[in-house]
């Protein structure tokens, strides 16, 4: 039996910015896969953020995965959150996402451990994004490998936290809310 899995980014809340004196420019890369043919890569539009603000993700970027998955399969990959330090031409983000998909290792080359496979996919995607979009690297706010099982509630909200505490000047605290829905395909 196949299940349709949909992962939708809802909003991002900033409690502490990475930059001290100006707004952060927050964006995410998501790469998720079930097989060599069922996979997605999304780079969100940049969002200007100040501490205490919550912003919704724009409609074209909100859906990071929507597709059929076998009931014994898992969606693997992950998300990375960034703070843009160096301006880039965002009109190319669709091309960057396609290049990320081209740069992913084939499923036959992935380790058997789903968490190790998710890490490998996320690392490969980040490497391609760095090559495609960054003349200088943006600040990586966090990296979250994901293994999403088809066993679960029909609808669940998750919170992904990207946070750096410490003694240094550069700290941050972001929470991304997402909605995961599962429905049977008839």
C-alpha atoms as a PDB file:
ATOM      1  CA  UNK A   1       0.000   0.000   0.000  1.00  0.00           C
ATOM      2  CA  UNK A   2       1.256   3.466  -0.836  1.00  0.00           C
ATOM      3  CA  UNK A   3       0.938   6.511   1.342  1.00  0.00           C
ATOM      4  CA  UNK A   4       1.035  10.093   0.159  1.00  0.00           C
ATOM      5  CA  UNK A   5       3.401  12.046   2.389  1.00  0.00           C
ATOM      6  CA  UNK A   6       3.366  15.814   2.446  1.00  0.00           C
ATOM      7  CA  UNK A   7       5.815  17.960   4.414  1.00  0.00           C
ATOM      8  CA  UNK A   8       4.909  21.638   4.565  1.00  0.00           C
ATOM      9  CA  UNK A   9       6.908  24.428   6.178  1.00  0.00           C
ATOM     10  CA  UNK A  10       4.543  26.663   8.135  1.00  0.00           C
ATOM     11  CA  UNK A  11       6.590  29.438   9.691  1.00  0.00           C
ATOM     12  CA  UNK A  12       9.855  30.417  11.339  1.00  0.00           C
ATOM     13  CA  UNK A  13      10.205  32.202  14.670  1.00  0.00           C
ATOM     14  CA  UNK A  14      13.332  34.102  15.642  1.00  0.00           C
ATOM     15  CA  UNK A  15      14.140  34.565  19.309  1.00  0.00           C
ATOM     16  CA  UNK A  16      17.755  35.665  18.756  1.00  0.00           C
ATOM     17  CA  UNK A  17      19.456  36.810  15.535  1.00  0.00           C
ATOM     18  CA  UNK A  18      22.917  35.756  14.424  1.00  0.00           C
ATOM     19  CA  UNK A  19      23.806  39.304  13.371  1.00  0.00           C
ATOM     20  CA  UNK A  20      24.168  41.755  16.235  1.00  0.00           C
ATOM     21  CA  UNK A  21      23.096  45.065  14.724  1.00  0.00           C
ATOM     22  CA  UNK A  22      21.000  44.275  11.634  1.00  0.00           C
ATOM     23  CA  UNK A  23      18.239  41.860  10.675  1.00  0.00           C
ATOM     24  CA  UNK A  24      19.165  38.320   9.750  1.00  0.00           C
ATOM     25  CA  UNK A  25      18.283  36.994   6.312  1.00  0.00           C
ATOM     26  CA  UNK A  26      17.065  33.461   7.035  1.00  0.00           C
ATOM     27  CA  UNK A  27      16.633  30.741   4.413  1.00  0.00           C
ATOM     28  CA  UNK A  28      16.539  26.960   4.285  1.00  0.00           C
ATOM     29  CA  UNK A  29      17.528  24.130   1.995  1.00  0.00           C
ATOM     30  CA  UNK A  30      15.520  20.901   2.211  1.00  0.00           C
ATOM     31  CA  UNK A  31      16.430  17.722   0.364  1.00  0.00           C
ATOM     32  CA  UNK A  32      14.312  14.592   0.831  1.00  0.00           C
ATOM     33  CA  UNK A  33      14.263  11.288  -1.029  1.00  0.00           C
ATOM     34  CA  UNK A  34      12.609   7.880  -1.098  1.00  0.00           C
ATOM     35  CA  UNK A  35      14.424   6.537  -4.159  1.00  0.00           C
ATOM     36  CA  UNK A  36      16.433   7.713  -7.137  1.00  0.00           C
ATOM     37  CA  UNK A  37      13.185   8.825  -8.802  1.00  0.00           C
ATOM     38  CA  UNK A  38      11.132  10.103  -5.850  1.00  0.00           C
ATOM     39  CA  UNK A  39      12.990  13.014  -4.319  1.00  0.00           C
ATOM     40  CA  UNK A  40      12.790  16.759  -3.880  1.00  0.00           C
ATOM     41  CA  UNK A  41      15.034  19.718  -3.198  1.00  0.00           C
ATOM     42  CA  UNK A  42      13.734  23.124  -2.140  1.00  0.00           C
ATOM     43  CA  UNK A  43      15.535  26.343  -1.325  1.00  0.00           C
ATOM     44  CA  UNK A  44      13.271  28.853   0.397  1.00  0.00           C
ATOM     45  CA  UNK A  45      13.132  32.533  -0.359  1.00  0.00           C
ATOM     46  CA  UNK A  46      15.196  34.610   2.067  1.00  0.00           C
ATOM     47  CA  UNK A  47      13.229  36.078   4.976  1.00  0.00           C
ATOM     48  CA  UNK A  48      14.336  39.213   6.845  1.00  0.00           C
ATOM     49  CA  UNK A  49      14.118  38.384  10.562  1.00  0.00           C
ATOM     50  CA  UNK A  50      14.495  40.308  13.810  1.00  0.00           C
ATOM     51  CA  UNK A  51      14.331  38.853  17.303  1.00  0.00           C
ATOM     52  CA  UNK A  52      10.731  38.314  18.358  1.00  0.00           C
ATOM     53  CA  UNK A  53       9.352  37.940  14.826  1.00  0.00           C
ATOM     54  CA  UNK A  54       7.514  35.043  13.200  1.00  0.00           C
ATOM     55  CA  UNK A  55       7.135  34.846   9.418  1.00  0.00           C
ATOM     56  CA  UNK A  56       5.298  32.332   7.240  1.00  0.00           C
ATOM     57  CA  UNK A  57       7.139  30.658   4.377  1.00  0.00           C
ATOM     58  CA  UNK A  58       6.039  31.752   0.905  1.00  0.00           C
ATOM     59  CA  UNK A  59       3.646  29.434  -0.938  1.00  0.00           C
ATOM     60  CA  UNK A  60       6.027  28.093  -3.599  1.00  0.00           C
ATOM     61  CA  UNK A  61       8.617  27.178  -0.951  1.00  0.00           C
ATOM     62  CA  UNK A  62       6.331  25.806   1.739  1.00  0.00           C
ATOM     63  CA  UNK A  63       5.927  22.285   0.309  1.00  0.00           C
ATOM     64  CA  UNK A  64       9.283  20.528   0.671  1.00  0.00           C
ATOM     65  CA  UNK A  65       7.983  17.027  -0.121  1.00  0.00           C
ATOM     66  CA  UNK A  66       4.720  15.744  -1.582  1.00  0.00           C
ATOM     67  CA  UNK A  67       4.653  12.297  -3.055  1.00  0.00           C
ATOM     68  CA  UNK A  68       3.874   8.597  -2.800  1.00  0.00           C
ATOM     69  CA  UNK A  69       5.857   6.456  -0.380  1.00  0.00           C
ATOM     70  CA  UNK A  70       5.530   2.726   0.264  1.00  0.00           C
ATOM     71  CA  UNK A  71       4.222   1.904   3.726  1.00  0.00           C
ATOM     72  CA  UNK A  72       7.510   0.142   4.557  1.00  0.00           C
ATOM     73  CA  UNK A  73       9.718   2.908   3.139  1.00  0.00           C
ATOM     74  CA  UNK A  74      11.063   6.043   4.765  1.00  0.00           C
ATOM     75  CA  UNK A  75      11.795   9.523   3.474  1.00  0.00           C
ATOM     76  CA  UNK A  76      15.429  10.390   4.181  1.00  0.00           C
ATOM     77  CA  UNK A  77      17.495  13.537   3.816  1.00  0.00           C
ATOM     78  CA  UNK A  78      17.204  16.666   5.878  1.00  0.00           C
ATOM     79  CA  UNK A  79      17.226  20.425   6.172  1.00  0.00           C
ATOM     80  CA  UNK A  80      19.866  23.096   6.634  1.00  0.00           C
ATOM     81  CA  UNK A  81      19.167  26.610   7.872  1.00  0.00           C
ATOM     82  CA  UNK A  82      21.329  29.564   6.830  1.00  0.00           C
ATOM     83  CA  UNK A  83      21.768  33.246   7.525  1.00  0.00           C
ATOM     84  CA  UNK A  84      22.703  34.984   4.289  1.00  0.00           C
ATOM     85  CA  UNK A  85      25.878  37.017   4.690  1.00  0.00           C
ATOM     86  CA  UNK A  86      26.643  37.527   1.019  1.00  0.00           C
ATOM     87  CA  UNK A  87      23.994  38.625  -1.472  1.00  0.00           C
ATOM     88  CA  UNK A  88      23.217  36.214  -4.253  1.00  0.00           C
ATOM     89  CA  UNK A  89      20.951  36.176  -7.293  1.00  0.00           C
ATOM     90  CA  UNK A  90      17.862  34.421  -5.912  1.00  0.00           C
ATOM     91  CA  UNK A  91      16.332  34.127  -9.386  1.00  0.00           C
ATOM     92  CA  UNK A  92      18.578  31.060  -9.792  1.00  0.00           C
ATOM     93  CA  UNK A  93      17.243  29.081  -6.803  1.00  0.00           C
ATOM     94  CA  UNK A  94      15.186  26.692  -8.979  1.00  0.00           C
ATOM     95  CA  UNK A  95      18.327  25.830 -10.953  1.00  0.00           C
ATOM     96  CA  UNK A  96      20.253  25.348  -7.697  1.00  0.00           C
ATOM     97  CA  UNK A  97      17.591  22.894  -6.476  1.00  0.00           C
ATOM     98  CA  UNK A  98      17.849  20.914  -9.747  1.00  0.00           C
ATOM     99  CA  UNK A  99      21.636  20.789  -9.396  1.00  0.00           C
ATOM    100  CA  UNK A 100      21.247  19.508  -5.843  1.00  0.00           C
ATOM    101  CA  UNK A 101      19.098  16.623  -7.106  1.00  0.00           C
ATOM    102  CA  UNK A 102      21.670  15.841  -9.826  1.00  0.00           C
ATOM    103  CA  UNK A 103      24.445  15.826  -7.216  1.00  0.00           C
ATOM    104  CA  UNK A 104      22.811  13.306  -4.884  1.00  0.00           C
ATOM    105  CA  UNK A 105      24.388   9.871  -4.615  1.00  0.00           C
ATOM    106  CA  UNK A 106      22.340   7.004  -6.096  1.00  0.00           C
ATOM    107  CA  UNK A 107      20.359   4.978  -3.578  1.00  0.00           C
ATOM    108  CA  UNK A 108      22.467   1.914  -4.383  1.00  0.00           C
ATOM    109  CA  UNK A 109      25.492   3.784  -2.980  1.00  0.00           C
ATOM    110  CA  UNK A 110      23.816   4.764   0.308  1.00  0.00           C
ATOM    111  CA  UNK A 111      24.668   3.032   3.578  1.00  0.00           C
ATOM    112  CA  UNK A 112      22.079   0.606   4.980  1.00  0.00           C
ATOM    113  CA  UNK A 113      21.576   2.701   8.101  1.00  0.00           C
ATOM    114  CA  UNK A 114      18.799   5.206   7.375  1.00  0.00           C
ATOM    115  CA  UNK A 115      20.322   7.855   9.639  1.00  0.00           C
ATOM    116  CA  UNK A 116      23.727   7.466   7.936  1.00  0.00           C
ATOM    117  CA  UNK A 117      22.009   7.662   4.526  1.00  0.00           C
ATOM    118  CA  UNK A 118      20.141  10.820   5.579  1.00  0.00           C
ATOM    119  CA  UNK A 119      23.436  12.399   6.683  1.00  0.00           C
ATOM    120  CA  UNK A 120      25.124  11.482   3.396  1.00  0.00           C
ATOM    121  CA  UNK A 121      22.263  12.968   1.335  1.00  0.00           C
ATOM    122  CA  UNK A 122      22.257  16.155   3.404  1.00  0.00           C
ATOM    123  CA  UNK A 123      26.034  16.547   3.151  1.00  0.00           C
ATOM    124  CA  UNK A 124      25.992  16.033  -0.625  1.00  0.00           C
ATOM    125  CA  UNK A 125      23.156  18.559  -1.028  1.00  0.00           C
ATOM    126  CA  UNK A 126      24.981  21.148   1.075  1.00  0.00           C
ATOM    127  CA  UNK A 127      28.140  20.713  -0.983  1.00  0.00           C
ATOM    128  CA  UNK A 128      26.235  21.313  -4.235  1.00  0.00           C
ATOM    129  CA  UNK A 129      24.438  24.355  -2.807  1.00  0.00           C
ATOM    130  CA  UNK A 130      27.769  25.809  -1.678  1.00  0.00           C
ATOM    131  CA  UNK A 131      29.182  25.354  -5.182  1.00  0.00           C
ATOM    132  CA  UNK A 132      26.121  26.753  -6.943  1.00  0.00           C
ATOM    133  CA  UNK A 133      24.978  29.656  -4.790  1.00  0.00           C
ATOM    134  CA  UNK A 134      27.741  30.908  -2.570  1.00  0.00           C
ATOM    135  CA  UNK A 135      30.624  33.030  -3.674  1.00  0.00           C
ATOM    136  CA  UNK A 136      31.406  33.180   0.032  1.00  0.00           C
ATOM    137  CA  UNK A 137      29.783  30.891   2.537  1.00  0.00           C
ATOM    138  CA  UNK A 138      26.729  32.034   4.410  1.00  0.00           C
ATOM    139  CA  UNK A 139      26.450  31.280   8.115  1.00  0.00           C
ATOM    140  CA  UNK A 140      25.132  27.763   8.698  1.00  0.00           C
ATOM    141  CA  UNK A 141      22.615  28.017  11.527  1.00  0.00           C
ATOM    142  CA  UNK A 142      21.989  24.310  11.762  1.00  0.00           C
ATOM    143  CA  UNK A 143      21.744  20.979  10.041  1.00  0.00           C
ATOM    144  CA  UNK A 144      18.989  18.447  10.757  1.00  0.00           C
ATOM    145  CA  UNK A 145      19.165  14.996   9.147  1.00  0.00           C
ATOM    146  CA  UNK A 146      15.684  13.457   8.834  1.00  0.00           C
ATOM    147  CA  UNK A 147      14.287   9.938   8.617  1.00  0.00           C
ATOM    148  CA  UNK A 148      10.497  10.117   8.345  1.00  0.00           C
ATOM    149  CA  UNK A 149       8.609   6.846   8.686  1.00  0.00           C
ATOM    150  CA  UNK A 150       5.254   6.201   7.083  1.00  0.00           C
ATOM    151  CA  UNK A 151       4.064   4.781  10.409  1.00  0.00           C
ATOM    152  CA  UNK A 152       2.681   7.734  12.273  1.00  0.00           C
ATOM    153  CA  UNK A 153      -0.371   9.888  12.775  1.00  0.00           C
ATOM    154  CA  UNK A 154      -2.298  11.203   9.794  1.00  0.00           C
ATOM    155  CA  UNK A 155      -1.217  14.710  10.740  1.00  0.00           C
ATOM    156  CA  UNK A 156       1.533  15.938  13.035  1.00  0.00           C
ATOM    157  CA  UNK A 157       3.275  19.219  13.626  1.00  0.00           C
ATOM    158  CA  UNK A 158       7.031  19.191  14.184  1.00  0.00           C
ATOM    159  CA  UNK A 159       9.340  21.912  15.419  1.00  0.00           C
ATOM    160  CA  UNK A 160      12.876  22.068  14.118  1.00  0.00           C
ATOM    161  CA  UNK A 161      15.161  24.145  16.321  1.00  0.00           C
ATOM    162  CA  UNK A 162      18.332  25.827  15.070  1.00  0.00           C
ATOM    163  CA  UNK A 163      20.082  27.341  18.055  1.00  0.00           C
ATOM    164  CA  UNK A 164      23.556  28.404  19.099  1.00  0.00           C
ATOM    165  CA  UNK A 165      24.124  29.375  22.681  1.00  0.00           C
ATOM    166  CA  UNK A 166      27.393  30.161  24.215  1.00  0.00           C
ATOM    167  CA  UNK A 167      29.785  32.810  25.259  1.00  0.00           C
ATOM    168  CA  UNK A 168      30.576  34.186  21.814  1.00  0.00           C
ATOM    169  CA  UNK A 169      29.033  37.189  20.148  1.00  0.00           C
ATOM    170  CA  UNK A 170      27.438  35.111  17.421  1.00  0.00           C
ATOM    171  CA  UNK A 171      24.426  33.307  18.873  1.00  0.00           C
ATOM    172  CA  UNK A 172      21.003  32.593  17.407  1.00  0.00           C
ATOM    173  CA  UNK A 173      17.710  30.852  18.112  1.00  0.00           C
ATOM    174  CA  UNK A 174      15.259  29.886  15.363  1.00  0.00           C
ATOM    175  CA  UNK A 175      12.328  27.473  15.387  1.00  0.00           C
ATOM    176  CA  UNK A 176      10.720  26.248  12.172  1.00  0.00           C
ATOM    177  CA  UNK A 177       7.259  24.720  12.395  1.00  0.00           C
ATOM    178  CA  UNK A 178       6.267  22.159   9.782  1.00  0.00           C
ATOM    179  CA  UNK A 179       3.214  19.998   9.162  1.00  0.00           C
ATOM    180  CA  UNK A 180       3.579  16.355   8.150  1.00  0.00           C
ATOM    181  CA  UNK A 181       0.484  14.674   6.695  1.00  0.00           C
ATOM    182  CA  UNK A 182       0.025  11.072   5.641  1.00  0.00           C
ATOM    183  CA  UNK A 183      -2.899   9.830   3.552  1.00  0.00           C
ATOM    184  CA  UNK A 184      -3.569   6.486   1.912  1.00  0.00           C
ATOM    185  CA  UNK A 185      -3.497   6.359  -1.864  1.00  0.00           C
ATOM    186  CA  UNK A 186      -6.414   4.387  -3.186  1.00  0.00           C
END
